[in-house]
C-alpha cells in the first residue's frame, strides 16, 4: 500500500510539473514585443510577412544589441521608426506588394497564444507591431527586448525529449 501511495504521489507531482497547458509568464514585465501581421493567410501574404520579419529582425537586433535597459530600448526604437518604415516600404516595393502597411509602437493588443504548452495571455503589451494590408493573417511575434525571441520551430526539426527522474520512476512502476 505504501508503494502505491508513493507512486500516486510521484504521478501527481509529475502531472503538475508537466501539465499539458499551463499559464506561465516567461516574458518579463518590462518587455517589448515585436509582431508582424500579414494581410491574409495566402502563400503570397505569408511570404511577405516572412521577408518583412527577417529584415526587421536583423535591423532591430543591431539597433538594440547594446541597449542598457528598457528605457534605452524605447528611445532607440522611437529614434529609428522612420528607418523602420523606410525598410518596410523598400521590401514591399521590391516585391511589388501594394496592399499597404501600418507600424505601431506603443501598447498594442495581442490575442492569447499557446506555444509548447505555455499559454501567453491576451492583453495590451508594449510592442512594435507591423500590420500588412488588412492584417487578417496568422501573425508572428517574439520578445524584442530583452531579446527572448519565440521563433516558431520548423516542423521537420526533431523535438528534444527530456526525461525527468519522476518519469523514469513512473515508467518503472506502472
N, C-alpha and C. Protein backbone atom coordinates (compact mmCIF):
# COMPACT_ATOMS: atom_id res chain seq x y z
N UNK A 1 0.83 -1.19 0.00
CA UNK A 1 0.00 0.00 0.00
C UNK A 1 0.87 1.26 0.00
N UNK A 2 1.95 1.23 0.77
CA UNK A 2 2.84 2.36 0.85
C UNK A 2 3.44 2.66 -0.53
N UNK A 3 3.76 1.60 -1.28
CA UNK A 3 4.33 1.74 -2.61
C UNK A 3 3.33 2.42 -3.56
N UNK A 4 2.07 2.06 -3.45
CA UNK A 4 1.02 2.64 -4.30
C UNK A 4 0.87 4.12 -4.00
N UNK A 5 0.88 4.49 -2.74
CA UNK A 5 0.76 5.90 -2.36
C UNK A 5 1.95 6.71 -2.89
N UNK A 6 3.13 6.14 -2.80
CA UNK A 6 4.32 6.83 -3.32
C UNK A 6 4.21 7.00 -4.83
N UNK A 7 3.77 5.98 -5.53
CA UNK A 7 3.63 6.06 -6.99
C UNK A 7 2.57 7.09 -7.37
N UNK A 8 1.45 7.12 -6.66
CA UNK A 8 0.40 8.11 -6.94
C UNK A 8 0.94 9.52 -6.67
N UNK A 9 1.69 9.68 -5.59
CA UNK A 9 2.29 10.98 -5.26
C UNK A 9 3.26 11.43 -6.35
N UNK A 10 4.07 10.50 -6.81
CA UNK A 10 5.02 10.82 -7.89
C UNK A 10 4.26 11.17 -9.16
N UNK A 11 3.24 10.42 -9.48
CA UNK A 11 2.44 10.69 -10.67
C UNK A 11 1.78 12.07 -10.58
N UNK A 12 1.23 12.39 -9.40
CA UNK A 12 0.59 13.70 -9.20
C UNK A 12 1.60 14.82 -9.37
N UNK A 13 2.76 14.68 -8.76
CA UNK A 13 3.82 15.69 -8.86
C UNK A 13 4.27 15.84 -10.32
N UNK A 14 4.45 14.73 -11.01
CA UNK A 14 4.84 14.77 -12.42
C UNK A 14 3.78 15.47 -13.26
N UNK A 15 2.51 15.18 -12.99
CA UNK A 15 1.41 15.81 -13.74
C UNK A 15 1.41 17.32 -13.53
N UNK A 16 1.68 17.74 -12.30
CA UNK A 16 1.71 19.17 -12.03
C UNK A 16 2.87 19.84 -12.75
N UNK A 17 4.02 19.17 -12.80
CA UNK A 17 5.20 19.75 -13.43
C UNK A 17 5.12 19.76 -14.95
N UNK A 18 4.40 18.82 -15.53
CA UNK A 18 4.37 18.70 -17.00
C UNK A 18 2.98 18.82 -17.56
N UNK A 19 2.10 19.54 -16.87
CA UNK A 19 0.72 19.69 -17.33
C UNK A 19 0.66 20.12 -18.78
N UNK A 20 -0.36 19.68 -19.53
CA UNK A 20 -0.43 19.95 -20.95
C UNK A 20 -0.59 21.43 -21.25
N UNK A 21 -1.29 22.15 -20.41
CA UNK A 21 -1.43 23.59 -20.62
C UNK A 21 -1.25 24.28 -19.28
N UNK A 22 -0.26 25.15 -19.24
CA UNK A 22 -0.03 25.90 -18.03
C UNK A 22 0.04 27.36 -18.38
N UNK A 23 -0.47 28.18 -17.51
CA UNK A 23 -0.36 29.61 -17.71
C UNK A 23 0.87 30.06 -16.95
N UNK A 24 1.90 30.40 -17.67
CA UNK A 24 3.15 30.79 -17.05
C UNK A 24 3.69 32.01 -17.77
N UNK A 25 4.28 32.86 -17.01
CA UNK A 25 4.84 34.06 -17.61
C UNK A 25 6.34 33.94 -17.67
N UNK A 26 6.86 33.64 -18.87
CA UNK A 26 8.30 33.62 -19.03
C UNK A 26 8.76 34.91 -19.69
N UNK A 27 7.83 35.79 -19.98
CA UNK A 27 8.16 37.08 -20.55
C UNK A 27 8.23 38.08 -19.41
N UNK A 28 9.35 38.77 -19.28
CA UNK A 28 9.49 39.73 -18.18
C UNK A 28 8.43 40.83 -18.25
N UNK A 29 8.12 41.41 -17.11
CA UNK A 29 7.16 42.51 -17.06
C UNK A 29 7.62 43.66 -17.94
N UNK A 30 8.89 44.00 -17.86
CA UNK A 30 9.43 45.08 -18.68
C UNK A 30 9.99 44.49 -19.96
N UNK A 31 9.10 44.29 -20.91
CA UNK A 31 9.50 43.70 -22.19
C UNK A 31 8.85 44.48 -23.32
N UNK A 32 9.48 44.41 -24.48
CA UNK A 32 8.90 44.99 -25.68
C UNK A 32 8.77 43.86 -26.69
N UNK A 33 7.56 43.65 -27.15
CA UNK A 33 7.31 42.59 -28.13
C UNK A 33 7.41 43.15 -29.54
N UNK A 34 7.61 42.25 -30.49
CA UNK A 34 7.67 42.59 -31.90
C UNK A 34 6.73 41.64 -32.62
N UNK A 35 5.84 42.20 -33.44
CA UNK A 35 4.81 41.39 -34.10
C UNK A 35 4.64 41.82 -35.55
N UNK A 36 4.50 40.84 -36.44
CA UNK A 36 4.21 41.12 -37.85
C UNK A 36 2.93 40.37 -38.19
N UNK A 37 1.93 41.14 -38.65
CA UNK A 37 0.63 40.56 -39.00
C UNK A 37 0.45 40.70 -40.51
N UNK A 38 0.32 39.57 -41.22
CA UNK A 38 0.15 39.65 -42.67
C UNK A 38 -1.28 40.01 -43.07
N UNK A 39 -1.43 40.38 -44.32
CA UNK A 39 -2.74 40.72 -44.88
C UNK A 39 -3.70 39.55 -44.75
N UNK A 40 -3.23 38.34 -45.08
CA UNK A 40 -4.08 37.15 -45.05
C UNK A 40 -3.19 35.92 -44.90
N UNK A 41 -3.79 34.76 -45.05
CA UNK A 41 -3.03 33.51 -44.98
C UNK A 41 -2.68 32.95 -46.36
N UNK A 42 -2.81 33.75 -47.40
CA UNK A 42 -2.39 33.26 -48.72
C UNK A 42 -0.88 33.06 -48.70
N UNK A 43 -0.41 32.24 -49.61
CA UNK A 43 1.02 31.96 -49.70
C UNK A 43 1.81 33.25 -49.92
N UNK A 44 1.31 34.12 -50.79
CA UNK A 44 1.99 35.39 -51.08
C UNK A 44 2.06 36.27 -49.83
N UNK A 45 0.95 36.44 -49.13
CA UNK A 45 0.94 37.30 -47.94
C UNK A 45 1.82 36.75 -46.83
N UNK A 46 1.82 35.45 -46.66
CA UNK A 46 2.67 34.84 -45.63
C UNK A 46 4.15 34.98 -46.00
N UNK A 47 4.48 34.88 -47.28
CA UNK A 47 5.86 35.04 -47.74
C UNK A 47 6.33 36.47 -47.49
N UNK A 48 5.46 37.45 -47.74
CA UNK A 48 5.80 38.85 -47.48
C UNK A 48 6.02 39.06 -45.98
N UNK A 49 5.17 38.46 -45.16
CA UNK A 49 5.33 38.56 -43.71
C UNK A 49 6.73 38.08 -43.30
N UNK A 50 7.15 36.95 -43.85
CA UNK A 50 8.46 36.38 -43.52
C UNK A 50 9.59 37.32 -43.96
N UNK A 51 9.46 37.90 -45.15
CA UNK A 51 10.51 38.82 -45.63
C UNK A 51 10.60 40.06 -44.75
N UNK A 52 9.46 40.61 -44.39
CA UNK A 52 9.45 41.78 -43.50
C UNK A 52 10.03 41.40 -42.15
N UNK A 53 9.58 40.29 -41.62
CA UNK A 53 10.07 39.81 -40.32
C UNK A 53 11.58 39.64 -40.33
N UNK A 54 12.09 38.93 -41.34
CA UNK A 54 13.53 38.64 -41.39
C UNK A 54 14.36 39.92 -41.47
N UNK A 55 13.94 40.84 -42.33
CA UNK A 55 14.69 42.09 -42.50
C UNK A 55 14.64 42.93 -41.22
N UNK A 56 13.46 43.07 -40.65
CA UNK A 56 13.34 43.90 -39.45
C UNK A 56 14.01 43.26 -38.24
N UNK A 57 13.98 41.94 -38.18
CA UNK A 57 14.64 41.26 -37.07
C UNK A 57 16.14 41.58 -37.07
N UNK A 58 16.76 41.52 -38.25
CA UNK A 58 18.19 41.85 -38.34
C UNK A 58 18.42 43.30 -37.93
N UNK A 59 17.62 44.19 -38.48
CA UNK A 59 17.75 45.62 -38.20
C UNK A 59 17.58 45.89 -36.70
N UNK A 60 16.56 45.29 -36.11
CA UNK A 60 16.28 45.53 -34.70
C UNK A 60 17.33 44.91 -33.79
N UNK A 61 17.86 43.78 -34.20
CA UNK A 61 18.93 43.14 -33.43
C UNK A 61 20.12 44.09 -33.30
N UNK A 62 20.57 44.61 -34.43
CA UNK A 62 21.73 45.53 -34.40
C UNK A 62 21.40 46.83 -33.68
N UNK A 63 20.18 47.27 -33.82
CA UNK A 63 19.76 48.50 -33.17
C UNK A 63 19.77 48.36 -31.65
N UNK A 64 19.36 47.21 -31.14
CA UNK A 64 19.14 47.04 -29.70
C UNK A 64 20.20 46.23 -28.97
N UNK A 65 21.17 45.69 -29.69
CA UNK A 65 22.10 44.75 -29.05
C UNK A 65 22.90 45.35 -27.91
N UNK A 66 23.15 46.65 -27.93
CA UNK A 66 23.95 47.27 -26.87
C UNK A 66 23.12 48.12 -25.91
N UNK A 67 21.81 47.95 -25.91
CA UNK A 67 20.98 48.77 -25.03
C UNK A 67 21.22 48.40 -23.58
N UNK A 68 21.06 49.38 -22.72
CA UNK A 68 21.34 49.20 -21.29
C UNK A 68 20.10 48.89 -20.47
N UNK A 69 18.93 49.07 -21.05
CA UNK A 69 17.70 48.80 -20.31
C UNK A 69 16.51 49.13 -21.20
N UNK A 70 15.33 48.94 -20.64
CA UNK A 70 14.12 49.12 -21.44
C UNK A 70 13.94 50.57 -21.89
N UNK A 71 14.32 51.54 -21.05
CA UNK A 71 14.19 52.94 -21.46
C UNK A 71 15.09 53.25 -22.65
N UNK A 72 16.29 52.71 -22.62
CA UNK A 72 17.22 52.88 -23.74
C UNK A 72 16.66 52.22 -25.00
N UNK A 73 16.06 51.03 -24.85
CA UNK A 73 15.46 50.32 -25.99
C UNK A 73 14.31 51.14 -26.59
N UNK A 74 13.45 51.67 -25.74
CA UNK A 74 12.33 52.51 -26.21
C UNK A 74 12.85 53.71 -27.00
N UNK A 75 13.85 54.36 -26.46
CA UNK A 75 14.42 55.54 -27.10
C UNK A 75 14.99 55.20 -28.48
N UNK A 76 15.72 54.09 -28.57
CA UNK A 76 16.31 53.70 -29.85
C UNK A 76 15.24 53.34 -30.88
N UNK A 77 14.20 52.64 -30.45
CA UNK A 77 13.13 52.29 -31.38
C UNK A 77 12.45 53.56 -31.88
N UNK A 78 12.12 54.47 -30.97
CA UNK A 78 11.48 55.73 -31.37
C UNK A 78 12.36 56.52 -32.34
N UNK A 79 13.65 56.54 -32.08
CA UNK A 79 14.59 57.25 -32.96
C UNK A 79 14.65 56.63 -34.35
N UNK A 80 14.42 55.32 -34.43
CA UNK A 80 14.59 54.60 -35.70
C UNK A 80 13.29 54.28 -36.42
N UNK A 81 12.15 54.80 -35.94
CA UNK A 81 10.87 54.50 -36.59
C UNK A 81 10.84 54.90 -38.06
N UNK A 82 11.45 56.00 -38.39
CA UNK A 82 11.50 56.44 -39.79
C UNK A 82 12.29 55.43 -40.64
N UNK A 83 13.39 54.95 -40.11
CA UNK A 83 14.21 53.94 -40.82
C UNK A 83 13.45 52.62 -40.94
N UNK A 84 12.74 52.24 -39.91
CA UNK A 84 11.93 51.02 -39.94
C UNK A 84 10.88 51.13 -41.05
N UNK A 85 10.20 52.27 -41.10
CA UNK A 85 9.20 52.50 -42.16
C UNK A 85 9.85 52.45 -43.54
N UNK A 86 11.00 53.06 -43.68
CA UNK A 86 11.70 53.06 -44.97
C UNK A 86 12.03 51.63 -45.40
N UNK A 87 12.51 50.82 -44.47
CA UNK A 87 12.85 49.43 -44.81
C UNK A 87 11.63 48.61 -45.20
N UNK A 88 10.51 48.83 -44.52
CA UNK A 88 9.28 48.12 -44.88
C UNK A 88 8.85 48.54 -46.29
N UNK A 89 8.85 49.84 -46.55
CA UNK A 89 8.48 50.34 -47.88
C UNK A 89 9.38 49.73 -48.96
N UNK A 90 10.68 49.64 -48.68
CA UNK A 90 11.62 49.07 -49.65
C UNK A 90 11.33 47.60 -49.94
N UNK A 91 11.05 46.86 -48.89
CA UNK A 91 10.73 45.43 -49.07
C UNK A 91 9.47 45.28 -49.91
N UNK A 92 8.42 46.02 -49.53
CA UNK A 92 7.15 45.90 -50.24
C UNK A 92 7.28 46.35 -51.69
N UNK A 93 8.04 47.41 -51.94
CA UNK A 93 8.25 47.89 -53.32
C UNK A 93 9.01 46.85 -54.14
N UNK A 94 10.05 46.26 -53.55
CA UNK A 94 10.84 45.27 -54.29
C UNK A 94 10.02 44.01 -54.60
N UNK A 95 8.99 43.77 -53.82
CA UNK A 95 8.12 42.60 -54.03
C UNK A 95 6.87 42.96 -54.83
N UNK A 96 6.79 44.23 -55.24
CA UNK A 96 5.62 44.71 -55.99
C UNK A 96 4.32 44.44 -55.20
N UNK A 97 4.39 44.71 -53.93
CA UNK A 97 3.30 44.45 -52.99
C UNK A 97 2.67 45.78 -52.61
N UNK A 98 1.43 46.01 -53.03
CA UNK A 98 0.80 47.32 -52.88
C UNK A 98 -0.46 47.28 -52.01
N UNK A 99 -0.44 46.51 -50.94
CA UNK A 99 -1.61 46.42 -50.06
C UNK A 99 -1.49 47.32 -48.85
N UNK A 100 -0.38 48.05 -48.75
CA UNK A 100 -0.19 48.98 -47.65
C UNK A 100 0.28 48.30 -46.38
N UNK A 101 0.61 49.13 -45.40
CA UNK A 101 1.05 48.63 -44.10
C UNK A 101 0.89 49.73 -43.06
N UNK A 102 1.00 49.33 -41.81
CA UNK A 102 0.93 50.28 -40.70
C UNK A 102 1.92 49.83 -39.64
N UNK A 103 2.60 50.78 -39.02
CA UNK A 103 3.54 50.49 -37.93
C UNK A 103 3.02 51.17 -36.68
N UNK A 104 2.98 50.42 -35.59
CA UNK A 104 2.53 50.97 -34.32
C UNK A 104 3.54 50.60 -33.23
N UNK A 105 4.04 51.60 -32.55
CA UNK A 105 4.92 51.36 -31.41
C UNK A 105 4.26 51.95 -30.18
N UNK A 106 3.95 51.09 -29.24
CA UNK A 106 3.25 51.50 -28.01
C UNK A 106 2.56 50.29 -27.42
N UNK A 107 1.40 50.51 -26.82
CA UNK A 107 0.64 49.40 -26.24
C UNK A 107 -0.32 48.88 -27.30
N UNK A 108 -0.12 47.64 -27.70
CA UNK A 108 -0.92 47.01 -28.75
C UNK A 108 -1.51 45.71 -28.22
N UNK A 109 -2.66 45.34 -28.78
CA UNK A 109 -3.36 44.13 -28.34
C UNK A 109 -2.72 42.88 -28.95
N UNK A 110 -2.56 41.85 -28.11
CA UNK A 110 -2.10 40.53 -28.53
C UNK A 110 -3.15 39.52 -28.11
N UNK A 111 -3.58 38.64 -29.01
CA UNK A 111 -4.52 37.58 -28.62
C UNK A 111 -3.78 36.51 -27.80
N UNK A 112 -4.55 35.68 -27.12
CA UNK A 112 -3.95 34.57 -26.38
C UNK A 112 -3.22 33.65 -27.35
N UNK A 113 -2.10 33.13 -26.93
CA UNK A 113 -1.34 32.20 -27.76
C UNK A 113 -0.84 31.06 -26.88
N UNK A 114 -0.96 29.85 -27.39
CA UNK A 114 -0.39 28.70 -26.71
C UNK A 114 0.77 28.20 -27.55
N UNK A 115 1.93 28.12 -26.94
CA UNK A 115 3.13 27.67 -27.63
C UNK A 115 3.87 26.70 -26.75
N UNK A 116 4.01 25.48 -27.22
CA UNK A 116 4.70 24.41 -26.49
C UNK A 116 4.16 24.26 -25.07
N UNK A 117 2.83 24.30 -24.94
CA UNK A 117 2.18 24.05 -23.67
C UNK A 117 2.11 25.26 -22.74
N UNK A 118 2.64 26.39 -23.17
CA UNK A 118 2.59 27.59 -22.33
C UNK A 118 1.58 28.54 -22.93
N UNK A 119 0.70 29.05 -22.07
CA UNK A 119 -0.32 29.99 -22.52
C UNK A 119 0.19 31.40 -22.28
N UNK A 120 0.24 32.18 -23.34
CA UNK A 120 0.59 33.59 -23.25
C UNK A 120 -0.72 34.36 -23.28
N UNK A 121 -1.03 35.03 -22.19
CA UNK A 121 -2.32 35.68 -22.03
C UNK A 121 -2.55 36.80 -23.04
N UNK A 122 -3.81 36.94 -23.43
CA UNK A 122 -4.21 38.06 -24.28
C UNK A 122 -4.09 39.34 -23.47
N UNK A 123 -3.88 40.43 -24.17
CA UNK A 123 -3.83 41.71 -23.48
C UNK A 123 -3.09 42.75 -24.29
N UNK A 124 -2.96 43.91 -23.69
CA UNK A 124 -2.24 45.01 -24.32
C UNK A 124 -0.81 45.00 -23.78
N UNK A 125 0.14 44.97 -24.70
CA UNK A 125 1.54 44.90 -24.33
C UNK A 125 2.34 45.94 -25.10
N UNK A 126 3.39 46.44 -24.47
CA UNK A 126 4.28 47.35 -25.18
C UNK A 126 4.91 46.58 -26.32
N UNK A 127 4.81 47.15 -27.52
CA UNK A 127 5.26 46.39 -28.68
C UNK A 127 5.44 47.26 -29.91
N UNK A 128 6.19 46.70 -30.84
CA UNK A 128 6.33 47.25 -32.18
C UNK A 128 5.56 46.30 -33.07
N UNK A 129 4.46 46.79 -33.68
CA UNK A 129 3.59 45.94 -34.48
C UNK A 129 3.57 46.47 -35.92
N UNK A 130 3.84 45.57 -36.85
CA UNK A 130 3.75 45.88 -38.27
C UNK A 130 2.55 45.11 -38.81
N UNK A 131 1.57 45.84 -39.33
CA UNK A 131 0.38 45.23 -39.91
C UNK A 131 0.42 45.45 -41.41
N UNK A 132 0.40 44.36 -42.15
CA UNK A 132 0.43 44.41 -43.62
C UNK A 132 -0.98 44.29 -44.16
N UNK A 133 -1.35 45.20 -45.05
CA UNK A 133 -2.69 45.17 -45.64
C UNK A 133 -3.77 45.22 -44.58
N UNK A 134 -4.72 44.28 -44.68
CA UNK A 134 -5.85 44.23 -43.73
C UNK A 134 -5.48 43.61 -42.39
N UNK A 135 -4.33 42.94 -42.33
CA UNK A 135 -3.90 42.34 -41.07
C UNK A 135 -4.79 41.22 -40.60
N UNK A 136 -5.21 40.35 -41.52
CA UNK A 136 -6.13 39.27 -41.17
C UNK A 136 -5.49 37.88 -41.21
N UNK A 137 -4.18 37.82 -41.38
CA UNK A 137 -3.50 36.52 -41.46
C UNK A 137 -2.89 36.10 -40.13
N UNK A 138 -2.36 34.89 -40.12
CA UNK A 138 -1.69 34.37 -38.92
C UNK A 138 -0.40 35.15 -38.70
N UNK A 139 -0.27 35.67 -37.51
CA UNK A 139 0.85 36.55 -37.20
C UNK A 139 2.04 35.79 -36.66
N UNK A 140 3.14 36.50 -36.55
CA UNK A 140 4.36 36.01 -35.92
C UNK A 140 4.76 37.05 -34.89
N UNK A 141 5.27 36.60 -33.74
CA UNK A 141 5.76 37.55 -32.77
C UNK A 141 6.87 36.96 -31.93
N UNK A 142 7.63 37.87 -31.34
CA UNK A 142 8.69 37.46 -30.42
C UNK A 142 8.89 38.58 -29.41
N UNK A 143 9.74 38.34 -28.44
CA UNK A 143 10.08 39.37 -27.47
C UNK A 143 11.32 40.07 -28.00
N UNK A 144 11.16 41.33 -28.31
CA UNK A 144 12.21 42.13 -28.89
C UNK A 144 13.22 42.57 -27.84
N UNK A 145 12.72 42.99 -26.69
CA UNK A 145 13.60 43.40 -25.61
C UNK A 145 13.01 42.94 -24.29
N UNK A 146 13.77 42.25 -23.43
CA UNK A 146 15.07 41.67 -23.76
C UNK A 146 14.92 40.66 -24.90
N UNK A 147 15.99 40.37 -25.62
CA UNK A 147 15.87 39.55 -26.83
C UNK A 147 15.59 38.08 -26.53
N UNK A 148 14.33 37.78 -26.28
CA UNK A 148 13.90 36.40 -25.99
C UNK A 148 13.00 35.89 -27.11
N UNK A 149 13.38 36.09 -28.34
CA UNK A 149 12.51 35.75 -29.46
C UNK A 149 11.98 34.33 -29.35
N UNK A 150 10.67 34.21 -29.61
CA UNK A 150 9.99 32.91 -29.60
C UNK A 150 9.82 32.47 -31.04
N UNK A 151 10.91 32.04 -31.65
CA UNK A 151 10.87 31.67 -33.06
C UNK A 151 10.12 30.36 -33.22
N UNK A 152 9.22 30.36 -34.16
CA UNK A 152 8.45 29.16 -34.42
C UNK A 152 9.39 28.07 -34.93
N UNK A 153 9.34 26.89 -34.31
CA UNK A 153 10.20 25.79 -34.73
C UNK A 153 9.73 25.22 -36.05
N UNK A 154 10.68 24.83 -36.85
CA UNK A 154 10.35 24.18 -38.11
C UNK A 154 9.79 22.81 -37.79
N UNK A 155 8.70 22.47 -38.43
CA UNK A 155 8.03 21.19 -38.11
C UNK A 155 8.92 19.98 -38.39
N UNK A 156 9.90 20.13 -39.26
CA UNK A 156 10.75 18.99 -39.60
C UNK A 156 11.86 18.77 -38.58
N UNK A 157 12.10 19.76 -37.72
CA UNK A 157 13.14 19.59 -36.72
C UNK A 157 12.69 18.59 -35.67
N UNK A 158 13.66 17.81 -35.18
CA UNK A 158 13.35 16.84 -34.14
C UNK A 158 13.13 17.54 -32.82
N UNK A 159 12.16 17.08 -32.09
CA UNK A 159 11.93 17.60 -30.75
C UNK A 159 12.89 16.88 -29.81
N UNK A 160 13.50 17.63 -28.93
CA UNK A 160 14.37 17.04 -27.93
C UNK A 160 13.50 16.61 -26.77
N UNK A 161 13.66 15.38 -26.35
CA UNK A 161 12.84 14.87 -25.27
C UNK A 161 13.67 14.82 -24.00
N UNK A 162 13.18 15.49 -22.98
CA UNK A 162 13.86 15.48 -21.69
C UNK A 162 13.06 14.59 -20.76
N UNK A 163 13.78 13.69 -20.08
CA UNK A 163 13.11 12.82 -19.14
C UNK A 163 13.44 13.26 -17.72
N UNK A 164 12.41 13.39 -16.92
CA UNK A 164 12.60 13.72 -15.53
C UNK A 164 12.78 12.43 -14.74
N UNK A 165 13.39 12.55 -13.58
CA UNK A 165 13.54 11.43 -12.68
C UNK A 165 12.18 10.81 -12.39
N UNK A 166 11.15 11.68 -12.26
CA UNK A 166 9.81 11.20 -11.94
C UNK A 166 9.26 10.34 -13.07
N UNK A 167 9.51 10.71 -14.31
CA UNK A 167 9.03 9.93 -15.46
C UNK A 167 9.65 8.54 -15.44
N UNK A 168 10.93 8.49 -15.13
CA UNK A 168 11.60 7.20 -15.08
C UNK A 168 11.00 6.31 -13.99
N UNK A 169 10.65 6.91 -12.84
CA UNK A 169 10.01 6.14 -11.77
C UNK A 169 8.64 5.63 -12.20
N UNK A 170 7.88 6.48 -12.84
CA UNK A 170 6.55 6.08 -13.30
C UNK A 170 6.66 4.95 -14.30
N UNK A 171 7.58 5.08 -15.25
CA UNK A 171 7.79 4.03 -16.25
C UNK A 171 8.18 2.72 -15.58
N UNK A 172 8.98 2.80 -14.55
CA UNK A 172 9.48 1.62 -13.87
C UNK A 172 8.36 0.90 -13.10
N UNK A 173 7.47 1.68 -12.43
CA UNK A 173 6.47 1.08 -11.56
C UNK A 173 5.09 0.95 -12.18
N UNK A 174 4.81 1.54 -13.29
CA UNK A 174 3.47 1.44 -13.87
C UNK A 174 3.45 0.61 -15.11
